[in-house]
Amino acid sequence: MTDYDVYGTSSHTARELARVTGSCLGLVFTEHDSYYRGIYYRADSPDCEIEIQPNPIPGDDGDDDLYVTEHPTLQVLLMTTTPASSPALRAQLVAIEGLVHLKHESW
């Protein structure tokens, strides 16, 4: 089974959240530039994949679209993919000031 969680914040930029999260979890985030997603950050470990990106993403019409439309006030998203439920990871992430858990899916 795979778990997928989404968190959001308006307290940090994507770069700041990558720095804070990396320090908290002992991970190194690498910056990527995507035509579809804009600049985002990614860290991989044996236990999880974490991506941090802006909620507003470049739209085809020159205006930004929202990646998570149901939370328009959140400026930055953090997404985790883990092979199994990870309550410890969830606890570490919600302990980051300003970061809130938005969604959980398992498949």
PDB file of N, CA and C in Angstrom:
ATOM      1  N   MET A   1       0.834  -1.166   0.000  1.00  0.00           N
ATOM      2  CA  MET A   1       0.000   0.000   0.000  1.00  0.00           C
ATOM      3  C   MET A   1       0.893   1.249   0.000  1.00  0.00           C
ATOM      4  N   THR A   2       0.426   2.309  -0.650  1.00  0.00           N
ATOM      5  CA  THR A   2       1.152   3.570  -0.705  1.00  0.00           C
ATOM      6  C   THR A   2       0.308   4.653  -0.049  1.00  0.00           C
ATOM      7  N   ASP A   3       0.948   5.500   0.742  1.00  0.00           N
ATOM      8  CA  ASP A   3       0.273   6.633   1.372  1.00  0.00           C
ATOM      9  C   ASP A   3       0.738   7.922   0.723  1.00  0.00           C
ATOM     10  N   TYR A   4      -0.206   8.834   0.546  1.00  0.00           N
ATOM     11  CA  TYR A   4       0.064  10.130  -0.061  1.00  0.00           C
ATOM     12  C   TYR A   4      -0.557  11.193   0.838  1.00  0.00           C
ATOM     13  N   ASP A   5       0.235  12.166   1.274  1.00  0.00           N
ATOM     14  CA  ASP A   5      -0.254  13.238   2.131  1.00  0.00           C
ATOM     15  C   ASP A   5       0.099  14.583   1.521  1.00  0.00           C
ATOM     16  N   VAL A   6      -0.786  15.556   1.734  1.00  0.00           N
ATOM     17  CA  VAL A   6      -0.571  16.914   1.256  1.00  0.00           C
ATOM     18  C   VAL A   6      -0.679  17.850   2.448  1.00  0.00           C
ATOM     19  N   TYR A   7       0.282  18.750   2.547  1.00  0.00           N
ATOM     20  CA  TYR A   7       0.322  19.778   3.583  1.00  0.00           C
ATOM     21  C   TYR A   7       0.398  21.128   2.883  1.00  0.00           C
ATOM     22  N   GLY A   8       0.062  22.188   3.594  1.00  0.00           N
ATOM     23  CA  GLY A   8       0.142  23.510   3.002  1.00  0.00           C
ATOM     24  C   GLY A   8       0.528  24.562   4.020  1.00  0.00           C
ATOM     25  N   THR A   9       1.034  25.699   3.508  1.00  0.00           N
ATOM     26  CA  THR A   9       1.413  26.810   4.369  1.00  0.00           C
ATOM     27  C   THR A   9       1.385  28.123   3.588  1.00  0.00           C
ATOM     28  N   SER A  10       1.171  29.176   4.307  1.00  0.00           N
ATOM     29  CA  SER A  10       1.368  30.517   3.763  1.00  0.00           C
ATOM     30  C   SER A  10       2.419  31.240   4.588  1.00  0.00           C
ATOM     31  N   SER A  11       3.037  30.513   5.515  1.00  0.00           N
ATOM     32  CA  SER A  11       4.052  31.084   6.397  1.00  0.00           C
ATOM     33  C   SER A  11       5.457  31.047   5.812  1.00  0.00           C
ATOM     34  N   HIS A  12       5.678  30.227   4.791  1.00  0.00           N
ATOM     35  CA  HIS A  12       7.016  30.031   4.216  1.00  0.00           C
ATOM     36  C   HIS A  12       6.945  30.088   2.700  1.00  0.00           C
ATOM     37  N   THR A  13       8.045  30.478   2.086  1.00  0.00           N
ATOM     38  CA  THR A  13       8.190  30.295   0.646  1.00  0.00           C
ATOM     39  C   THR A  13       8.570  28.835   0.423  1.00  0.00           C
ATOM     40  N   ALA A  14       8.537  28.386  -0.811  1.00  0.00           N
ATOM     41  CA  ALA A  14       8.928  27.007  -1.110  1.00  0.00           C
ATOM     42  C   ALA A  14      10.383  26.768  -0.709  1.00  0.00           C
ATOM     43  N   ARG A  15      11.251  27.718  -1.011  1.00  0.00           N
ATOM     44  CA  ARG A  15      12.677  27.573  -0.664  1.00  0.00           C
ATOM     45  C   ARG A  15      12.856  27.499   0.850  1.00  0.00           C
ATOM     46  N   GLU A  16      12.170  28.369   1.596  1.00  0.00           N
ATOM     47  CA  GLU A  16      12.275  28.350   3.059  1.00  0.00           C
ATOM     48  C   GLU A  16      11.754  27.038   3.626  1.00  0.00           C
ATOM     49  N   LEU A  17      10.622  26.567   3.108  1.00  0.00           N
ATOM     50  CA  LEU A  17      10.062  25.314   3.609  1.00  0.00           C
ATOM     51  C   LEU A  17      10.985  24.140   3.303  1.00  0.00           C
ATOM     52  N   ALA A  18      11.643  24.146   2.161  1.00  0.00           N
ATOM     53  CA  ALA A  18      12.603  23.089   1.838  1.00  0.00           C
ATOM     54  C   ALA A  18      13.763  23.105   2.826  1.00  0.00           C
ATOM     55  N   ARG A  19      14.234  24.290   3.185  1.00  0.00           N
ATOM     56  CA  ARG A  19      15.336  24.415   4.143  1.00  0.00           C
ATOM     57  C   ARG A  19      14.900  23.927   5.527  1.00  0.00           C
ATOM     58  N   VAL A  20      13.738  24.390   5.992  1.00  0.00           N
ATOM     59  CA  VAL A  20      13.243  24.012   7.321  1.00  0.00           C
ATOM     60  C   VAL A  20      12.943  22.517   7.382  1.00  0.00           C
ATOM     61  N   THR A  21      12.281  21.998   6.378  1.00  0.00           N
ATOM     62  CA  THR A  21      11.922  20.573   6.356  1.00  0.00           C
ATOM     63  C   THR A  21      13.173  19.706   6.256  1.00  0.00           C
ATOM     64  N   GLY A  22      14.122  20.124   5.422  1.00  0.00           N
ATOM     65  CA  GLY A  22      15.374  19.385   5.298  1.00  0.00           C
ATOM     66  C   GLY A  22      16.111  19.309   6.621  1.00  0.00           C
ATOM     67  N   SER A  23      16.148  20.422   7.329  1.00  0.00           N
ATOM     68  CA  SER A  23      16.809  20.453   8.632  1.00  0.00           C
ATOM     69  C   SER A  23      16.079  19.571   9.640  1.00  0.00           C
ATOM     70  N   CYS A  24      14.768  19.633   9.637  1.00  0.00           N
ATOM     71  CA  CYS A  24      13.948  18.853  10.565  1.00  0.00           C
ATOM     72  C   CYS A  24      14.078  17.342  10.329  1.00  0.00           C
ATOM     73  N   LEU A  25      14.123  16.945   9.056  1.00  0.00           N
ATOM     74  CA  LEU A  25      14.126  15.513   8.718  1.00  0.00           C
ATOM     75  C   LEU A  25      15.505  14.971   8.344  1.00  0.00           C
ATOM     76  N   GLY A  26      16.505  15.840   8.269  1.00  0.00           N
ATOM     77  CA  GLY A  26      17.836  15.388   7.871  1.00  0.00           C
ATOM     78  C   GLY A  26      17.917  15.011   6.405  1.00  0.00           C
ATOM     79  N   LEU A  27      17.171  15.726   5.552  1.00  0.00           N
ATOM     80  CA  LEU A  27      17.149  15.456   4.119  1.00  0.00           C
ATOM     81  C   LEU A  27      17.712  16.647   3.343  1.00  0.00           C
ATOM     82  N   VAL A  28      18.146  16.373   2.128  1.00  0.00           N
ATOM     83  CA  VAL A  28      18.628  17.423   1.234  1.00  0.00           C
ATOM     84  C   VAL A  28      17.618  17.565   0.101  1.00  0.00           C
ATOM     85  N   PHE A  29      17.101  18.765  -0.074  1.00  0.00           N
ATOM     86  CA  PHE A  29      16.151  19.042  -1.150  1.00  0.00           C
ATOM     87  C   PHE A  29      16.898  19.616  -2.344  1.00  0.00           C
ATOM     88  N   THR A  30      16.557  19.131  -3.518  1.00  0.00           N
ATOM     89  CA  THR A  30      17.142  19.587  -4.770  1.00  0.00           C
ATOM     90  C   THR A  30      16.117  20.425  -5.511  1.00  0.00           C
ATOM     91  N   GLU A  31      16.553  21.577  -6.028  1.00  0.00           N
ATOM     92  CA  GLU A  31      15.663  22.455  -6.783  1.00  0.00           C
ATOM     93  C   GLU A  31      15.492  21.942  -8.209  1.00  0.00           C
ATOM     94  N   HIS A  32      14.253  21.952  -8.683  1.00  0.00           N
ATOM     95  CA  HIS A  32      13.921  21.572 -10.054  1.00  0.00           C
ATOM     96  C   HIS A  32      13.079  22.674 -10.668  1.00  0.00           C
ATOM     97  N   ASP A  33      13.182  22.844 -11.976  1.00  0.00           N
ATOM     98  CA  ASP A  33      12.384  23.838 -12.684  1.00  0.00           C
ATOM     99  C   ASP A  33      11.551  23.116 -13.727  1.00  0.00           C
ATOM    100  N   SER A  34      10.245  23.233 -13.597  1.00  0.00           N
ATOM    101  CA  SER A  34       9.318  22.538 -14.480  1.00  0.00           C
ATOM    102  C   SER A  34       8.419  23.543 -15.178  1.00  0.00           C
ATOM    103  N   TYR A  35       8.213  23.351 -16.462  1.00  0.00           N
ATOM    104  CA  TYR A  35       7.301  24.212 -17.210  1.00  0.00           C
ATOM    105  C   TYR A  35       5.901  24.144 -16.607  1.00  0.00           C
ATOM    106  N   TYR A  36       5.498  22.962 -16.196  1.00  0.00           N
ATOM    107  CA  TYR A  36       4.154  22.755 -15.662  1.00  0.00           C
ATOM    108  C   TYR A  36       4.026  23.205 -14.208  1.00  0.00           C
ATOM    109  N   ARG A  37       5.015  22.909 -13.372  1.00  0.00           N
ATOM    110  CA  ARG A  37       4.905  23.145 -11.932  1.00  0.00           C
ATOM    111  C   ARG A  37       5.679  24.352 -11.445  1.00  0.00           C
ATOM    112  N   GLY A  38       6.487  24.944 -12.265  1.00  0.00           N
ATOM    113  CA  GLY A  38       7.348  26.027 -11.798  1.00  0.00           C
ATOM    114  C   GLY A  38       8.538  25.453 -11.054  1.00  0.00           C
ATOM    115  N   ILE A  39       9.121  26.243 -10.174  1.00  0.00           N
ATOM    116  CA  ILE A  39      10.264  25.767  -9.389  1.00  0.00           C
ATOM    117  C   ILE A  39       9.726  24.985  -8.192  1.00  0.00           C
ATOM    118  N   TYR A  40      10.228  23.757  -8.052  1.00  0.00           N
ATOM    119  CA  TYR A  40       9.831  22.934  -6.917  1.00  0.00           C
ATOM    120  C   TYR A  40      11.065  22.238  -6.358  1.00  0.00           C
ATOM    121  N   TYR A  41      10.920  21.660  -5.176  1.00  0.00           N
ATOM    122  CA  TYR A  41      12.029  21.023  -4.466  1.00  0.00           C
ATOM    123  C   TYR A  41      11.647  19.583  -4.167  1.00  0.00           C
ATOM    124  N   ARG A  42      12.644  18.698  -4.255  1.00  0.00           N
ATOM    125  CA  ARG A  42      12.385  17.271  -4.056  1.00  0.00           C
ATOM    126  C   ARG A  42      13.504  16.649  -3.219  1.00  0.00           C
ATOM    127  N   ALA A  43      13.093  15.785  -2.298  1.00  0.00           N
ATOM    128  CA  ALA A  43      14.040  14.999  -1.506  1.00  0.00           C
ATOM    129  C   ALA A  43      13.546  13.564  -1.497  1.00  0.00           C
ATOM    130  N   ASP A  44      14.466  12.638  -1.634  1.00  0.00           N
ATOM    131  CA  ASP A  44      14.145  11.210  -1.595  1.00  0.00           C
ATOM    132  C   ASP A  44      14.931  10.556  -0.472  1.00  0.00           C
ATOM    133  N   SER A  45      14.280   9.644   0.186  1.00  0.00           N
ATOM    134  CA  SER A  45      14.962   8.795   1.158  1.00  0.00           C
ATOM    135  C   SER A  45      14.429   7.388   0.938  1.00  0.00           C
ATOM    136  N   PRO A  46      15.010   6.391   1.566  1.00  0.00           N
ATOM    137  CA  PRO A  46      14.498   5.033   1.385  1.00  0.00           C
ATOM    138  C   PRO A  46      13.034   4.882   1.831  1.00  0.00           C
ATOM    139  N   ASP A  47      12.595   5.761   2.746  1.00  0.00           N
ATOM    140  CA  ASP A  47      11.259   5.638   3.318  1.00  0.00           C
ATOM    141  C   ASP A  47      10.218   6.578   2.721  1.00  0.00           C
ATOM    142  N   CYS A  48      10.652   7.593   1.973  1.00  0.00           N
ATOM    143  CA  CYS A  48       9.656   8.542   1.470  1.00  0.00           C
ATOM    144  C   CYS A  48      10.205   9.411   0.347  1.00  0.00           C
ATOM    145  N   GLU A  49       9.263   9.990  -0.392  1.00  0.00           N
ATOM    146  CA  GLU A  49       9.565  11.033  -1.365  1.00  0.00           C
ATOM    147  C   GLU A  49       8.816  12.271  -0.887  1.00  0.00           C
ATOM    148  N   ILE A  50       9.489  13.408  -0.871  1.00  0.00           N
ATOM    149  CA  ILE A  50       8.851  14.649  -0.449  1.00  0.00           C
ATOM    150  C   ILE A  50       9.084  15.698  -1.521  1.00  0.00           C
ATOM    151  N   GLU A  51       8.011  16.374  -1.917  1.00  0.00           N
ATOM    152  CA  GLU A  51       8.104  17.467  -2.876  1.00  0.00           C
ATOM    153  C   GLU A  51       7.455  18.699  -2.280  1.00  0.00           C
ATOM    154  N   ILE A  52       8.078  19.843  -2.526  1.00  0.00           N
ATOM    155  CA  ILE A  52       7.586  21.132  -2.062  1.00  0.00           C
ATOM    156  C   ILE A  52       7.460  22.017  -3.279  1.00  0.00           C
ATOM    157  N   GLN A  53       6.290  22.640  -3.438  1.00  0.00           N
ATOM    158  CA  GLN A  53       6.075  23.476  -4.609  1.00  0.00           C
ATOM    159  C   GLN A  53       5.082  24.584  -4.287  1.00  0.00           C
ATOM    160  N   PRO A  54       5.091  25.648  -5.070  1.00  0.00           N
ATOM    161  CA  PRO A  54       4.073  26.679  -4.895  1.00  0.00           C
ATOM    162  C   PRO A  54       2.693  26.125  -5.255  1.00  0.00           C
ATOM    163  N   ASN A  55       1.673  26.608  -4.572  1.00  0.00           N
ATOM    164  CA  ASN A  55       0.305  26.237  -4.949  1.00  0.00           C
ATOM    165  C   ASN A  55      -0.063  26.902  -6.276  1.00  0.00           C
ATOM    166  N   PRO A  56       0.263  28.200  -6.476  1.00  0.00           N
ATOM    167  CA  PRO A  56       0.025  28.792  -7.801  1.00  0.00           C
ATOM    168  C   PRO A  56       1.055  28.242  -8.798  1.00  0.00           C
ATOM    169  N   ILE A  57       0.575  27.645  -9.873  1.00  0.00           N
ATOM    170  CA  ILE A  57       1.469  27.104 -10.895  1.00  0.00           C
ATOM    171  C   ILE A  57       1.212  27.839 -12.208  1.00  0.00           C
ATOM    172  N   PRO A  58       2.223  27.912 -13.077  1.00  0.00           N
ATOM    173  CA  PRO A  58       2.054  28.646 -14.340  1.00  0.00           C
ATOM    174  C   PRO A  58       0.926  28.058 -15.188  1.00  0.00           C
ATOM    175  N   GLY A  59       0.000  28.908 -15.621  1.00  0.00           N
ATOM    176  CA  GLY A  59      -1.095  28.469 -16.484  1.00  0.00           C
ATOM    177  C   GLY A  59      -0.759  28.708 -17.944  1.00  0.00           C
ATOM    178  N   ASP A  60      -1.442  28.010 -18.813  1.00  0.00           N
ATOM    179  CA  ASP A  60      -1.207  28.153 -20.252  1.00  0.00           C
ATOM    180  C   ASP A  60      -1.594  29.524 -20.775  1.00  0.00           C
ATOM    181  N   ASP A  61      -2.509  30.204 -20.089  1.00  0.00           N
ATOM    182  CA  ASP A  61      -2.991  31.502 -20.554  1.00  0.00           C
ATOM    183  C   ASP A  61      -2.187  32.673 -19.996  1.00  0.00           C
ATOM    184  N   GLY A  62      -1.088  32.390 -19.320  1.00  0.00           N
ATOM    185  CA  GLY A  62      -0.260  33.434 -18.734  1.00  0.00           C
ATOM    186  C   GLY A  62      -0.635  33.765 -17.297  1.00  0.00           C
ATOM    187  N   ASP A  63      -1.786  33.301 -16.836  1.00  0.00           N
ATOM    188  CA  ASP A  63      -2.197  33.480 -15.446  1.00  0.00           C
ATOM    189  C   ASP A  63      -1.884  32.208 -14.669  1.00  0.00           C
ATOM    190  N   ASP A  64      -1.630  32.374 -13.378  1.00  0.00           N
ATOM    191  CA  ASP A  64      -1.362  31.214 -12.538  1.00  0.00           C
ATOM    192  C   ASP A  64      -2.646  30.453 -12.240  1.00  0.00           C
ATOM    193  N   ASP A  65      -2.536  29.129 -12.189  1.00  0.00           N
ATOM    194  CA  ASP A  65      -3.613  28.251 -11.752  1.00  0.00           C
ATOM    195  C   ASP A  65      -3.227  27.724 -10.384  1.00  0.00           C
ATOM    196  N   LEU A  66      -4.183  27.190  -9.633  1.00  0.00           N
ATOM    197  CA  LEU A  66      -3.884  26.600  -8.334  1.00  0.00           C
ATOM    198  C   LEU A  66      -3.755  25.098  -8.466  1.00  0.00           C
ATOM    199  N   TYR A  67      -2.710  24.545  -7.881  1.00  0.00           N
ATOM    200  CA  TYR A  67      -2.504  23.099  -7.871  1.00  0.00           C
ATOM    201  C   TYR A  67      -3.557  22.434  -6.984  1.00  0.00           C
ATOM    202  N   VAL A  68      -3.825  23.043  -5.825  1.00  0.00           N
ATOM    203  CA  VAL A  68      -4.866  22.563  -4.913  1.00  0.00           C
ATOM    204  C   VAL A  68      -5.913  23.674  -4.813  1.00  0.00           C
ATOM    205  N   THR A  69      -6.921  23.581  -5.667  1.00  0.00           N
ATOM    206  CA  THR A  69      -7.902  24.660  -5.798  1.00  0.00           C
ATOM    207  C   THR A  69      -8.754  24.855  -4.549  1.00  0.00           C
ATOM    208  N   GLU A  70      -8.942  23.813  -3.755  1.00  0.00           N
ATOM    209  CA  GLU A  70      -9.780  23.942  -2.567  1.00  0.00           C
ATOM    210  C   GLU A  70      -9.119  24.714  -1.426  1.00  0.00           C
ATOM    211  N   HIS A  71      -7.845  25.079  -1.592  1.00  0.00           N
ATOM    212  CA  HIS A  71      -7.119  25.860  -0.574  1.00  0.00           C
ATOM    213  C   HIS A  71      -6.409  27.036  -1.240  1.00  0.00           C
ATOM    214  N   PRO A  72      -7.169  28.015  -1.750  1.00  0.00           N
ATOM    215  CA  PRO A  72      -6.562  29.106  -2.516  1.00  0.00           C
ATOM    216  C   PRO A  72      -5.671  30.041  -1.706  1.00  0.00           C
ATOM    217  N   THR A  73      -5.804  30.069  -0.391  1.00  0.00           N
ATOM    218  CA  THR A  73      -4.995  30.981   0.406  1.00  0.00           C
ATOM    219  C   THR A  73      -3.612  30.411   0.736  1.00  0.00           C
ATOM    220  N   LEU A  74      -3.434  29.112   0.537  1.00  0.00           N
ATOM    221  CA  LEU A  74      -2.135  28.494   0.828  1.00  0.00           C
ATOM    222  C   LEU A  74      -1.188  28.721  -0.344  1.00  0.00           C
ATOM    223  N   GLN A  75      -0.026  29.241  -0.053  1.00  0.00           N
ATOM    224  CA  GLN A  75       0.929  29.593  -1.098  1.00  0.00           C
ATOM    225  C   GLN A  75       1.904  28.476  -1.445  1.00  0.00           C
ATOM    226  N   VAL A  76       2.156  27.570  -0.496  1.00  0.00           N
ATOM    227  CA  VAL A  76       3.153  26.510  -0.712  1.00  0.00           C
ATOM    228  C   VAL A  76       2.573  25.177  -0.259  1.00  0.00           C
ATOM    229  N   LEU A  77       2.866  24.132  -1.031  1.00  0.00           N
ATOM    230  CA  LEU A  77       2.404  22.776  -0.720  1.00  0.00           C
ATOM    231  C   LEU A  77       3.598  21.861  -0.461  1.00  0.00           C
ATOM    232  N   LEU A  78       3.412  20.910   0.429  1.00  0.00           N
ATOM    233  CA  LEU A  78       4.398  19.858   0.679  1.00  0.00           C
ATOM    234  C   LEU A  78       3.651  18.551   0.504  1.00  0.00           C
ATOM    235  N   MET A  79       4.179  17.676  -0.347  1.00  0.00           N
ATOM    236  CA  MET A  79       3.523  16.397  -0.637  1.00  0.00           C
ATOM    237  C   MET A  79       4.473  15.252  -0.306  1.00  0.00           C
ATOM    238  N   THR A  80       3.950  14.254   0.388  1.00  0.00           N
ATOM    239  CA  THR A  80       4.759  13.085   0.736  1.00  0.00           C
ATOM    240  C   THR A  80       4.149  11.834   0.127  1.00  0.00           C
ATOM    241  N   THR A  81       5.009  10.927  -0.296  1.00  0.00           N
ATOM    242  CA  THR A  81       4.606   9.603  -0.742  1.00  0.00           C
ATOM    243  C   THR A  81       5.455   8.606   0.034  1.00  0.00           C
ATOM    244  N   THR A  82       4.772   7.707   0.758  1.00  0.00           N
ATOM    245  CA  THR A  82       5.467   6.704   1.560  1.00  0.00           C
ATOM    246  C   THR A  82       4.900   5.325   1.239  1.00  0.00           C
ATOM    247  N   PRO A  83       5.697   4.268   1.384  1.00  0.00           N
ATOM    248  CA  PRO A  83       5.209   2.922   1.070  1.00  0.00           C
ATOM    249  C   PRO A  83       4.172   2.403   2.068  1.00  0.00           C
ATOM    250  N   ALA A  84       4.097   3.013   3.235  1.00  0.00           N
ATOM    251  CA  ALA A  84       3.120   2.620   4.262  1.00  0.00           C
ATOM    252  C   ALA A  84       2.816   3.855   5.103  1.00  0.00           C
ATOM    253  N   SER A  85       1.799   3.764   5.903  1.00  0.00           N
ATOM    254  CA  SER A  85       1.445   4.871   6.780  1.00  0.00           C
ATOM    255  C   SER A  85       2.637   5.239   7.661  1.00  0.00           C
ATOM    256  N   SER A  86       2.854   6.550   7.835  1.00  0.00           N
ATOM    257  CA  SER A  86       3.992   6.997   8.620  1.00  0.00           C
ATOM    258  C   SER A  86       3.553   8.073   9.616  1.00  0.00           C
ATOM    259  N   PRO A  87       2.967   7.657  10.736  1.00  0.00           N
ATOM    260  CA  PRO A  87       2.544   8.627  11.744  1.00  0.00           C
ATOM    261  C   PRO A  87       3.709   9.465  12.282  1.00  0.00           C
ATOM    262  N   ALA A  88       4.894   8.895  12.364  1.00  0.00           N
ATOM    263  CA  ALA A  88       6.046   9.642  12.864  1.00  0.00           C
ATOM    264  C   ALA A  88       6.404  10.786  11.912  1.00  0.00           C
ATOM    265  N   LEU A  89       6.392  10.518  10.600  1.00  0.00           N
ATOM    266  CA  LEU A  89       6.668  11.563   9.619  1.00  0.00           C
ATOM    267  C   LEU A  89       5.598  12.643   9.695  1.00  0.00           C
ATOM    268  N   ARG A  90       4.346  12.239   9.783  1.00  0.00           N
ATOM    269  CA  ARG A  90       3.243  13.201   9.888  1.00  0.00           C
ATOM    270  C   ARG A  90       3.433  14.095  11.109  1.00  0.00           C
ATOM    271  N   ALA A  91       3.794  13.504  12.228  1.00  0.00           N
ATOM    272  CA  ALA A  91       3.996  14.271  13.468  1.00  0.00           C
ATOM    273  C   ALA A  91       5.140  15.269  13.316  1.00  0.00           C
ATOM    274  N   GLN A  92       6.234  14.857  12.671  1.00  0.00           N
ATOM    275  CA  GLN A  92       7.362  15.770  12.461  1.00  0.00           C
ATOM    276  C   GLN A  92       6.962  16.937  11.564  1.00  0.00           C
ATOM    277  N   LEU A  93       6.181  16.654  10.537  1.00  0.00           N
ATOM    278  CA  LEU A  93       5.811  17.708   9.596  1.00  0.00           C
ATOM    279  C   LEU A  93       4.817  18.691  10.199  1.00  0.00           C
ATOM    280  N   VAL A  94       3.814  18.220  10.924  1.00  0.00           N
ATOM    281  CA  VAL A  94       2.850  19.159  11.514  1.00  0.00           C
ATOM    282  C   VAL A  94       3.466  19.955  12.658  1.00  0.00           C
ATOM    283  N   ALA A  95       4.627  19.530  13.144  1.00  0.00           N
ATOM    284  CA  ALA A  95       5.340  20.295  14.165  1.00  0.00           C
ATOM    285  C   ALA A  95       6.043  21.519  13.560  1.00  0.00           C
ATOM    286  N   ILE A  96       6.177  21.566  12.231  1.00  0.00           N
ATOM    287  CA  ILE A  96       6.779  22.726  11.571  1.00  0.00           C
ATOM    288  C   ILE A  96       5.774  23.874  11.634  1.00  0.00           C
ATOM    289  N   GLU A  97       6.210  24.985  12.172  1.00  0.00           N
ATOM    290  CA  GLU A  97       5.325  26.134  12.362  1.00  0.00           C
ATOM    291  C   GLU A  97       4.673  26.568  11.051  1.00  0.00           C
ATOM    292  N   GLY A  98       3.355  26.677  11.071  1.00  0.00           N
ATOM    293  CA  GLY A  98       2.608  27.157   9.916  1.00  0.00           C
ATOM    294  C   GLY A  98       2.230  26.084   8.910  1.00  0.00           C
ATOM    295  N   LEU A  99       2.699  24.851   9.070  1.00  0.00           N
ATOM    296  CA  LEU A  99       2.395  23.780   8.117  1.00  0.00           C
ATOM    297  C   LEU A  99       1.180  22.991   8.613  1.00  0.00           C
ATOM    298  N   VAL A 100       0.156  22.874   7.771  1.00  0.00           N
ATOM    299  CA  VAL A 100      -1.065  22.166   8.155  1.00  0.00           C
ATOM    300  C   VAL A 100      -1.300  20.979   7.221  1.00  0.00           C
ATOM    301  N   HIS A 101      -1.827  19.906   7.781  1.00  0.00           N
ATOM    302  CA  HIS A 101      -2.138  18.704   7.005  1.00  0.00           C
ATOM    303  C   HIS A 101      -3.464  18.933   6.294  1.00  0.00           C
ATOM    304  N   LEU A 102      -3.501  18.709   4.969  1.00  0.00           N
ATOM    305  CA  LEU A 102      -4.686  18.958   4.170  1.00  0.00           C
ATOM    306  C   LEU A 102      -5.403  17.709   3.706  1.00  0.00           C
ATOM    307  N   LYS A 103      -4.643  16.673   3.360  1.00  0.00           N
ATOM    308  CA  LYS A 103      -5.263  15.514   2.715  1.00  0.00           C
ATOM    309  C   LYS A 103      -4.407  14.273   2.914  1.00  0.00           C
ATOM    310  N   HIS A 104      -5.096  13.142   3.041  1.00  0.00           N
ATOM    311  CA  HIS A 104      -4.424  11.838   3.130  1.00  0.00           C
ATOM    312  C   HIS A 104      -5.150  10.859   2.212  1.00  0.00           C
ATOM    313  N   GLU A 105      -4.381  10.108   1.440  1.00  0.00           N
ATOM    314  CA  GLU A 105      -4.928   9.055   0.587  1.00  0.00           C
ATOM    315  C   GLU A 105      -4.058   7.820   0.714  1.00  0.00           C
ATOM    316  N   SER A 106      -4.686   6.675   0.607  1.00  0.00           N
ATOM    317  CA  SER A 106      -3.962   5.389   0.576  1.00  0.00           C
ATOM    318  C   SER A 106      -4.462   4.599  -0.615  1.00  0.00           C
ATOM    319  N   TRP A 107      -3.566   3.939  -1.293  1.00  0.00           N
ATOM    320  CA  TRP A 107      -3.964   3.053  -2.393  1.00  0.00           C
ATOM    321  C   TRP A 107      -2.994   1.936  -2.538  1.00  0.00           C
TER     322      TRP A 107
END
